[in-house]
Amino acid sequence: MSHRLRITAALALAGFAAAASAQELSLAEAQSIASAAAPQLLAQSAAVRAARATSSAATELPDPRLIAALENVPTDGPDKWSLTRDFMTMRKIGVMQSFPNHEKRRLQSEQAGRGITLAQAQLRKTQFETARAVAEAWIALAVSEESLARLRDLKPQTDLQATAGRAALGSGRASAAEALGTETLVAGLEERMLAFEQDVQVKRAELARWIGTAADRPLAAIPADRELEHSMESLVAGVSEHAPLAPLAAQIDAAKTDVELARAEKRSDWSTELTYSRRGADFSDMVSLEFRVGLPLFPKHRQNPMIAEKLASVRAQEAMRDAEVRMHTAEVQAAFAEWHHGRERLQHYGTDLVPLAHDRSRAALVSYGAGRGDLRGALEALTQEIETQLDYVQLEGSVARAWVFLHLLHDPGAST
């Protein structure tokens, strides 16, 4: 092959590799797809719009009321049931308007704003939960696929060891138990591969729940080497602002406004009524203007119990928030430890444990083939390599999950 042809082939292969890589589904892309179409997010976004749409109505006065009445209609005598002959009989029409006290109206407007804040906080929490759930599904599938791939890579070596075991049994170098041990290793590996194949299908279905047919694409590498944007201290210091706890703070603020609204009931509301009364032809028509003022004279039995109930609700929600803050703080600290120490362990696995397990199993098999070792040692070395490889992949998944959780705390809508 000429030099030019080799260059052309290399460029073509690089192009194919780039195209294949472009088709890989990264964790960030999976989250982006889910965030664009997740029903939970669409529903919560609609709730925010609804809260905003109704907030302006909170500042308006109550609707006026139409008044229509017949007054002083005679029920006996010569003018019985007449609407025009008795001078006191009137046909009345008018309008009445209520005016809640100023403090109540201000607090009603404030409560509407609290409703918007609560809806937005619920949206933040839903974004966090959705992004985390997609990440959990993606990582679970990636771990199963990577575990299956590593077992497939080890399958030829187990077959080779089984062949060596049968040959050793025939030549008298190994016992029947040792030969059966190699056969058991092969059968066990095949069973584990079948189990991972099943697990891959289950995990892919779970991921497809969030992103549809995109779950059928090959996955990118597990992101177990990402850095965090925030220190442990800043993560713990900002616990109350994290997306999972955001609705609690908004609910407490709304409950405190409910307390102030209950207290505002001790202040008088008032209303006014304007009516036009028509009498018979022999009598003059009349116009009336009337004012009414509420008299909250018995707060001990009416307003005070409601205020106490609202205050108790605030205390209950504050206690619930404190409990959630403690649990969330512990979760953050545990996740940080899992991420920080997990990365150190991954480095140890990558530089020491995995290469050593690989070299040991190869050396044990070569030593046995050269007549300097026994079959049991080679079997144990290969078994240890299998477990080390699977432990490494599981640790990758744990580190990636911890990183995703911590990363999303400050920005649940961010891609990972």
Protein backbone atom coordinates (compact mmCIF):
# COMPACT_ATOMS: atom_id res chain seq x y z
CA MET A 1 0.00 0.00 0.00
CA SER A 2 1.40 3.39 -0.98
CA HIS A 3 2.05 6.13 1.56
CA ARG A 4 -0.87 8.19 0.17
CA LEU A 5 -3.25 5.25 0.46
CA ARG A 6 -2.20 4.64 4.07
CA ILE A 7 -2.90 8.29 4.92
CA THR A 8 -6.30 8.14 3.20
CA ALA A 9 -7.21 4.95 5.06
CA ALA A 10 -6.10 6.46 8.35
CA LEU A 11 -8.20 9.58 7.76
CA ALA A 12 -11.20 7.46 6.81
CA LEU A 13 -10.84 5.36 9.95
CA ALA A 14 -10.52 8.52 12.04
CA GLY A 15 -13.69 9.87 10.43
CA PHE A 16 -15.56 6.65 11.15
CA ALA A 17 -14.33 6.70 14.75
CA ALA A 18 -15.44 10.31 15.17
CA ALA A 19 -18.86 9.54 13.72
CA ALA A 20 -19.25 6.57 16.03
CA SER A 21 -18.17 8.67 19.00
CA ALA A 22 -20.66 11.38 18.03
CA GLN A 23 -23.42 8.80 18.26
CA GLU A 24 -22.55 7.94 21.86
CA LEU A 25 -25.07 9.09 24.43
CA SER A 26 -23.40 11.07 27.19
CA LEU A 27 -24.86 11.60 30.62
CA ALA A 28 -25.30 15.32 29.93
CA GLU A 29 -27.20 14.66 26.72
CA ALA A 30 -29.50 12.16 28.42
CA GLN A 31 -30.36 14.76 31.06
CA SER A 32 -30.92 17.39 28.40
CA ILE A 33 -33.33 15.14 26.49
CA ALA A 34 -35.25 14.31 29.65
CA SER A 35 -35.51 17.92 30.81
CA ALA A 36 -37.06 18.92 27.49
CA ALA A 37 -39.94 16.47 27.67
CA ALA A 38 -40.34 15.09 31.20
CA PRO A 39 -44.04 15.24 32.13
CA GLN A 40 -43.13 16.14 35.71
CA LEU A 41 -41.29 19.26 34.57
CA LEU A 42 -44.02 20.26 32.13
CA ALA A 43 -46.63 19.94 34.88
CA GLN A 44 -44.61 21.97 37.38
CA SER A 45 -43.85 24.66 34.79
CA ALA A 46 -47.59 24.94 34.18
CA ALA A 47 -48.09 25.34 37.95
CA VAL A 48 -45.66 28.28 37.95
CA ARG A 49 -47.54 29.92 35.08
CA ALA A 50 -50.83 29.36 36.91
CA ALA A 51 -49.50 30.97 40.08
CA ARG A 52 -48.31 33.98 38.13
CA ALA A 53 -51.61 34.27 36.27
CA THR A 54 -53.65 34.40 39.48
CA SER A 55 -51.32 36.67 41.47
CA SER A 56 -52.73 39.90 40.00
CA ALA A 57 -56.24 39.02 41.20
CA ALA A 58 -55.06 39.08 44.81
CA THR A 59 -54.70 42.87 44.74
CA GLU A 60 -58.22 43.47 43.43
CA LEU A 61 -61.26 44.29 45.51
CA PRO A 62 -63.95 41.63 45.88
CA ASP A 63 -66.53 41.63 43.10
CA PRO A 64 -69.40 44.04 43.66
CA ARG A 65 -72.83 42.59 44.40
CA LEU A 66 -76.08 43.45 42.68
CA ILE A 67 -79.02 44.24 44.96
CA ALA A 68 -82.62 43.71 43.84
CA ALA A 69 -85.45 43.77 46.35
CA LEU A 70 -89.09 44.45 47.10
CA GLU A 71 -89.69 46.22 50.39
CA ASN A 72 -92.77 46.80 52.50
CA VAL A 73 -95.29 45.02 50.28
CA PRO A 74 -98.74 44.93 52.00
CA THR A 75 -100.04 41.46 52.76
CA ASP A 76 -103.63 42.36 53.75
CA GLY A 77 -106.16 45.19 53.55
CA PRO A 78 -107.34 47.05 50.45
CA ASP A 79 -103.73 47.43 49.13
CA LYS A 80 -102.90 43.73 49.56
CA TRP A 81 -99.96 42.70 47.30
CA SER A 82 -99.97 46.04 45.51
CA LEU A 83 -96.59 47.46 44.53
CA THR A 84 -97.77 51.02 43.86
CA ARG A 85 -100.58 52.07 46.21
CA ASP A 86 -98.86 52.01 49.61
CA PHE A 87 -96.38 54.83 50.17
CA MET A 88 -93.90 52.52 51.93
CA THR A 89 -93.72 49.94 49.15
CA MET A 90 -90.52 50.17 47.12
CA ARG A 91 -88.86 48.28 44.31
CA LYS A 92 -85.16 48.55 45.01
CA ILE A 93 -82.11 48.03 42.82
CA GLY A 94 -78.54 48.85 43.71
CA VAL A 95 -74.95 47.73 44.13
CA MET A 96 -72.83 46.82 47.16
CA GLN A 97 -69.02 46.87 47.38
CA SER A 98 -66.91 45.35 50.17
CA PHE A 99 -63.59 46.89 51.21
CA PRO A 100 -61.30 44.54 53.19
CA ASN A 101 -58.96 46.38 55.53
CA HIS A 102 -55.73 47.67 54.04
CA GLU A 103 -53.47 45.24 55.93
CA LYS A 104 -55.49 42.25 54.75
CA ARG A 105 -55.27 43.35 51.14
CA ARG A 106 -51.52 43.88 51.43
CA LEU A 107 -51.05 40.45 52.93
CA GLN A 108 -53.25 38.80 50.31
CA SER A 109 -51.00 40.30 47.64
CA GLU A 110 -47.94 39.10 49.54
CA GLN A 111 -49.42 35.61 49.84
CA ALA A 112 -49.94 35.50 46.08
CA GLY A 113 -46.23 36.26 45.67
CA ARG A 114 -45.47 33.48 48.14
CA GLY A 115 -47.48 31.14 45.93
CA ILE A 116 -45.30 32.01 42.94
CA THR A 117 -42.14 31.49 45.00
CA LEU A 118 -43.41 28.12 46.21
CA ALA A 119 -44.26 27.00 42.67
CA GLN A 120 -40.80 28.03 41.48
CA ALA A 121 -39.19 26.17 44.40
CA GLN A 122 -41.21 23.06 43.54
CA LEU A 123 -40.00 23.41 39.95
CA ARG A 124 -36.37 23.57 41.15
CA LYS A 125 -36.90 20.45 43.23
CA THR A 126 -38.56 18.65 40.32
CA GLN A 127 -35.69 19.63 38.02
CA PHE A 128 -33.23 18.24 40.56
CA GLU A 129 -35.15 15.02 41.05
CA THR A 130 -35.58 14.51 37.30
CA ALA A 131 -31.92 15.17 36.51
CA ARG A 132 -30.83 12.86 39.32
CA ALA A 133 -33.23 10.09 38.31
CA VAL A 134 -32.01 10.23 34.70
CA ALA A 135 -28.41 10.15 35.91
CA GLU A 136 -29.15 7.15 38.15
CA ALA A 137 -30.73 5.30 35.22
CA TRP A 138 -27.90 6.23 32.83
CA ILE A 139 -25.16 5.25 35.30
CA ALA A 140 -26.89 1.98 36.19
CA LEU A 141 -27.04 1.03 32.51
CA ALA A 142 -23.44 2.12 31.93
CA VAL A 143 -22.23 0.04 34.89
CA SER A 144 -24.07 -3.05 33.67
CA GLU A 145 -22.78 -2.63 30.11
CA GLU A 146 -19.20 -2.05 31.26
CA SER A 147 -19.34 -5.03 33.61
CA LEU A 148 -20.64 -7.23 30.80
CA ALA A 149 -17.90 -6.00 28.44
CA ARG A 150 -15.17 -6.80 30.96
CA LEU A 151 -16.55 -10.30 31.57
CA ARG A 152 -16.62 -10.91 27.81
CA ASP A 153 -12.97 -9.83 27.62
CA LEU A 154 -12.12 -12.38 30.32
CA LYS A 155 -14.14 -15.20 28.74
CA PRO A 156 -11.33 -16.45 26.43
CA GLN A 157 -8.99 -16.76 29.39
CA THR A 158 -11.50 -18.79 31.39
CA ASP A 159 -12.05 -21.04 28.38
CA LEU A 160 -8.30 -21.46 28.09
CA GLN A 161 -8.07 -22.38 31.75
CA ALA A 162 -10.89 -24.89 31.40
CA THR A 163 -9.06 -26.47 28.49
CA ALA A 164 -5.91 -26.61 30.58
CA GLY A 165 -7.85 -28.21 33.41
CA ARG A 166 -9.19 -30.97 31.17
CA ALA A 167 -5.73 -31.60 29.77
CA ALA A 168 -4.23 -31.68 33.26
CA LEU A 169 -6.84 -34.18 34.39
CA GLY A 170 -6.05 -36.41 31.44
CA SER A 171 -2.31 -36.27 32.09
CA GLY A 172 -2.65 -36.78 35.81
CA ARG A 173 -1.27 -33.34 36.74
CA ALA A 174 -4.56 -32.20 38.31
CA SER A 175 -7.25 -33.84 40.35
CA ALA A 176 -10.87 -34.18 39.26
CA ALA A 177 -11.83 -31.51 41.80
CA GLU A 178 -9.36 -29.03 40.27
CA ALA A 179 -10.56 -29.76 36.76
CA LEU A 180 -14.17 -29.38 37.85
CA GLY A 181 -13.19 -26.09 39.48
CA THR A 182 -12.18 -24.67 36.11
CA GLU A 183 -15.44 -25.91 34.55
CA THR A 184 -17.36 -24.32 37.42
CA LEU A 185 -15.54 -21.02 36.82
CA VAL A 186 -16.55 -21.06 33.15
CA ALA A 187 -20.17 -21.91 33.97
CA GLY A 188 -20.26 -19.24 36.69
CA LEU A 189 -18.86 -16.63 34.32
CA GLU A 190 -21.42 -17.50 31.68
CA GLU A 191 -24.20 -17.21 34.27
CA ARG A 192 -22.97 -13.81 35.36
CA MET A 193 -22.80 -12.67 31.76
CA LEU A 194 -26.38 -13.80 31.22
CA ALA A 195 -27.42 -11.96 34.38
CA PHE A 196 -25.73 -8.75 33.18
CA GLU A 197 -27.32 -9.12 29.74
CA GLN A 198 -30.70 -9.29 31.46
CA ASP A 199 -29.77 -6.37 33.68
CA VAL A 200 -28.74 -4.29 30.66
CA GLN A 201 -32.18 -4.78 29.11
CA VAL A 202 -33.93 -3.85 32.36
CA LYS A 203 -31.76 -0.78 32.89
CA ARG A 204 -32.19 0.31 29.28
CA ALA A 205 -35.96 0.15 29.68
CA GLU A 206 -35.71 2.33 32.79
CA LEU A 207 -33.60 4.88 30.91
CA ALA A 208 -36.02 4.78 27.96
CA ARG A 209 -38.76 5.85 30.36
CA TRP A 210 -36.99 9.21 30.55
CA ILE A 211 -35.45 9.68 27.08
CA GLY A 212 -37.33 7.35 24.73
CA THR A 213 -35.48 5.74 21.83
CA ALA A 214 -32.27 7.64 22.60
CA ALA A 215 -31.67 4.96 25.24
CA ASP A 216 -30.84 2.51 22.42
CA ARG A 217 -27.67 4.43 21.54
CA PRO A 218 -24.28 3.28 22.87
CA LEU A 219 -23.26 5.07 26.05
CA ALA A 220 -20.22 7.26 26.59
CA ALA A 221 -17.69 6.49 29.31
CA ILE A 222 -18.80 6.72 32.94
CA PRO A 223 -17.89 10.24 34.21
CA ALA A 224 -15.97 9.18 37.30
CA ASP A 225 -13.17 11.75 36.98
CA ARG A 226 -15.13 15.02 37.24
CA GLU A 227 -14.12 17.85 39.58
CA LEU A 228 -16.59 19.62 41.86
CA GLU A 229 -17.19 23.35 41.56
CA HIS A 230 -17.76 23.75 45.31
CA SER A 231 -15.89 22.78 48.44
CA MET A 232 -17.30 20.62 51.19
CA GLU A 233 -17.62 23.66 53.44
CA SER A 234 -19.61 25.69 50.90
CA LEU A 235 -21.89 22.74 50.16
CA VAL A 236 -22.76 22.32 53.83
CA ALA A 237 -23.06 26.06 54.45
CA GLY A 238 -25.62 26.37 51.65
CA VAL A 239 -27.73 23.35 52.59
CA SER A 240 -30.90 25.38 53.19
CA GLU A 241 -30.63 26.81 49.65
CA HIS A 242 -30.30 23.45 47.90
CA ALA A 243 -33.02 22.50 45.45
CA PRO A 244 -34.36 19.50 47.46
CA LEU A 245 -35.11 21.80 50.43
CA ALA A 246 -36.23 24.90 48.51
CA PRO A 247 -39.99 24.19 48.87
CA LEU A 248 -39.67 23.91 52.66
CA ALA A 249 -38.44 27.50 53.03
CA ALA A 250 -41.16 28.75 50.69
CA GLN A 251 -43.84 26.85 52.62
CA ILE A 252 -42.67 28.34 55.91
CA ASP A 253 -42.78 31.87 54.48
CA ALA A 254 -46.31 31.23 53.20
CA ALA A 255 -47.34 29.86 56.62
CA LYS A 256 -45.98 32.98 58.34
CA THR A 257 -48.03 35.14 56.00
CA ASP A 258 -51.07 33.05 56.94
CA VAL A 259 -50.41 34.02 60.56
CA GLU A 260 -50.39 37.70 59.66
CA LEU A 261 -53.59 37.27 57.67
CA ALA A 262 -55.24 35.68 60.70
CA ARG A 263 -54.13 38.65 62.80
CA ALA A 264 -55.49 41.04 60.18
CA GLU A 265 -58.94 39.60 60.87
CA LYS A 266 -58.91 41.60 64.10
CA ARG A 267 -59.17 44.76 62.01
CA SER A 268 -62.51 45.89 60.67
CA ASP A 269 -63.61 45.42 57.09
CA TRP A 270 -66.26 47.71 55.69
CA SER A 271 -68.66 47.90 52.78
CA THR A 272 -70.92 50.44 51.13
CA GLU A 273 -74.28 50.05 49.43
CA LEU A 274 -75.95 52.41 46.97
CA THR A 275 -79.59 51.71 46.04
CA TYR A 276 -82.37 53.33 44.03
CA SER A 277 -85.94 52.71 45.25
CA ARG A 278 -88.97 53.24 43.05
CA ARG A 279 -92.41 53.75 44.55
CA GLY A 280 -95.87 54.29 43.13
CA ALA A 281 -96.75 57.16 40.82
CA ASP A 282 -98.16 59.21 43.71
CA PHE A 283 -94.95 59.01 45.71
CA SER A 284 -91.42 60.19 45.18
CA ASP A 285 -88.54 57.78 44.36
CA MET A 286 -85.63 57.46 46.76
CA VAL A 287 -81.84 56.97 46.74
CA SER A 288 -80.04 55.40 49.70
CA LEU A 289 -76.35 55.24 50.63
CA GLU A 290 -75.39 52.82 53.39
CA PHE A 291 -72.10 51.95 55.10
CA ARG A 292 -71.38 48.81 57.09
CA VAL A 293 -68.41 48.19 59.35
CA GLY A 294 -67.42 44.82 60.78
CA LEU A 295 -66.98 44.66 64.56
CA PRO A 296 -64.47 41.98 65.63
CA LEU A 297 -65.48 42.28 69.27
CA PHE A 298 -64.79 38.72 70.39
CA PRO A 299 -61.20 37.89 69.32
CA LYS A 300 -60.77 35.46 72.22
CA HIS A 301 -63.32 33.08 70.72
CA ARG A 302 -62.92 33.88 67.02
CA GLN A 303 -59.62 35.35 65.77
CA ASN A 304 -57.23 34.19 68.49
CA PRO A 305 -57.87 30.44 68.00
CA MET A 306 -57.21 30.84 64.27
CA ILE A 307 -53.99 32.73 64.99
CA ALA A 308 -52.87 29.98 67.38
CA GLU A 309 -53.60 27.31 64.76
CA LYS A 310 -51.55 29.16 62.13
CA LEU A 311 -48.65 29.65 64.56
CA ALA A 312 -48.66 25.95 65.41
CA SER A 313 -48.51 25.17 61.69
CA VAL A 314 -45.46 27.42 61.33
CA ARG A 315 -43.71 25.69 64.25
CA ALA A 316 -44.50 22.27 62.81
CA GLN A 317 -43.10 23.21 59.41
CA GLU A 318 -39.98 24.72 60.96
CA ALA A 319 -39.38 21.52 62.92
CA MET A 320 -39.85 19.50 59.73
CA ARG A 321 -37.39 21.77 57.93
CA ASP A 322 -34.80 21.35 60.70
CA ALA A 323 -35.12 17.57 60.45
CA GLU A 324 -34.78 17.67 56.67
CA VAL A 325 -31.74 19.95 56.94
CA ARG A 326 -30.03 17.47 59.26
CA MET A 327 -30.76 14.52 57.00
CA HIS A 328 -29.73 16.43 53.89
CA THR A 329 -26.51 17.64 55.53
CA ALA A 330 -25.61 14.05 56.40
CA GLU A 331 -26.42 12.99 52.82
CA VAL A 332 -24.19 15.74 51.41
CA GLN A 333 -21.30 14.80 53.72
CA ALA A 334 -21.66 11.11 52.86
CA ALA A 335 -21.79 11.84 49.12
CA PHE A 336 -18.72 14.07 49.35
CA ALA A 337 -16.79 11.36 51.18
CA GLU A 338 -17.91 8.80 48.61
CA TRP A 339 -16.79 11.05 45.76
CA HIS A 340 -13.51 12.21 47.32
CA HIS A 341 -12.27 8.89 48.67
CA GLY A 342 -13.84 6.96 45.82
CA ARG A 343 -11.66 8.82 43.33
CA GLU A 344 -8.57 7.93 45.37
CA ARG A 345 -9.66 4.31 45.39
CA LEU A 346 -10.30 4.40 41.62
CA GLN A 347 -6.76 5.63 41.08
CA HIS A 348 -5.48 2.82 43.30
CA TYR A 349 -7.54 0.31 41.33
CA GLY A 350 -6.36 1.69 38.00
CA THR A 351 -2.67 1.86 38.82
CA ASP A 352 -2.29 -1.12 41.15
CA LEU A 353 -5.15 -3.53 41.83
CA VAL A 354 -6.48 -4.10 38.29
CA PRO A 355 -3.04 -4.39 36.60
CA LEU A 356 -1.75 -6.61 39.42
CA ALA A 357 -4.78 -8.89 39.26
CA HIS A 358 -4.39 -9.11 35.47
CA ASP A 359 -0.65 -9.83 35.64
CA ARG A 360 -1.10 -12.35 38.42
CA SER A 361 -3.71 -14.40 36.54
CA ARG A 362 -1.58 -14.39 33.37
CA ALA A 363 1.54 -15.32 35.32
CA ALA A 364 -0.28 -18.10 37.16
CA LEU A 365 -1.53 -19.60 33.92
CA VAL A 366 1.90 -19.32 32.25
CA SER A 367 3.55 -20.82 35.33
CA TYR A 368 1.15 -23.71 35.26
CA GLY A 369 1.75 -24.27 31.58
CA ALA A 370 5.49 -24.37 32.23
CA GLY A 371 5.03 -26.94 34.97
CA ARG A 372 6.05 -24.59 37.78
CA GLY A 373 2.61 -23.99 39.33
CA ASP A 374 -0.60 -25.77 40.13
CA LEU A 375 -4.02 -25.41 38.58
CA ARG A 376 -5.62 -24.27 41.84
CA GLY A 377 -3.40 -21.19 41.99
CA ALA A 378 -4.22 -20.25 38.40
CA LEU A 379 -7.94 -20.70 39.12
CA GLU A 380 -7.79 -18.51 42.22
CA ALA A 381 -5.85 -15.79 40.37
CA LEU A 382 -8.39 -15.64 37.53
CA THR A 383 -11.30 -15.58 39.96
CA GLN A 384 -9.65 -12.67 41.78
CA GLU A 385 -9.19 -10.78 38.52
CA ILE A 386 -12.86 -11.18 37.65
CA GLU A 387 -13.94 -9.82 41.04
CA THR A 388 -11.43 -6.96 40.87
CA GLN A 389 -12.65 -5.90 37.44
CA LEU A 390 -16.30 -5.90 38.56
CA ASP A 391 -15.49 -4.08 41.80
CA TYR A 392 -13.73 -1.38 39.79
CA VAL A 393 -16.76 -0.80 37.58
CA GLN A 394 -19.10 -0.69 40.57
CA LEU A 395 -16.84 1.87 42.23
CA GLU A 396 -16.91 3.97 39.04
CA GLY A 397 -20.69 4.02 39.23
CA SER A 398 -20.69 5.00 42.92
CA VAL A 399 -18.27 7.89 42.34
CA ALA A 400 -20.26 9.12 39.36
CA ARG A 401 -23.54 9.02 41.34
CA ALA A 402 -22.00 10.97 44.21
CA TRP A 403 -20.59 13.59 41.84
CA VAL A 404 -23.91 14.02 40.03
CA PHE A 405 -25.78 14.50 43.32
CA LEU A 406 -23.34 17.13 44.59
CA HIS A 407 -23.10 18.89 41.23
CA LEU A 408 -26.86 19.25 40.87
CA LEU A 409 -27.40 20.73 44.35
CA HIS A 410 -26.52 24.27 43.28
CA ASP A 411 -27.87 24.14 39.75
CA PRO A 412 -30.48 21.40 39.19
CA GLY A 413 -30.95 22.52 35.58
CA ALA A 414 -27.27 22.28 34.66
CA SER A 415 -25.94 19.58 32.37
CA THR A 416 -23.48 17.11 33.84
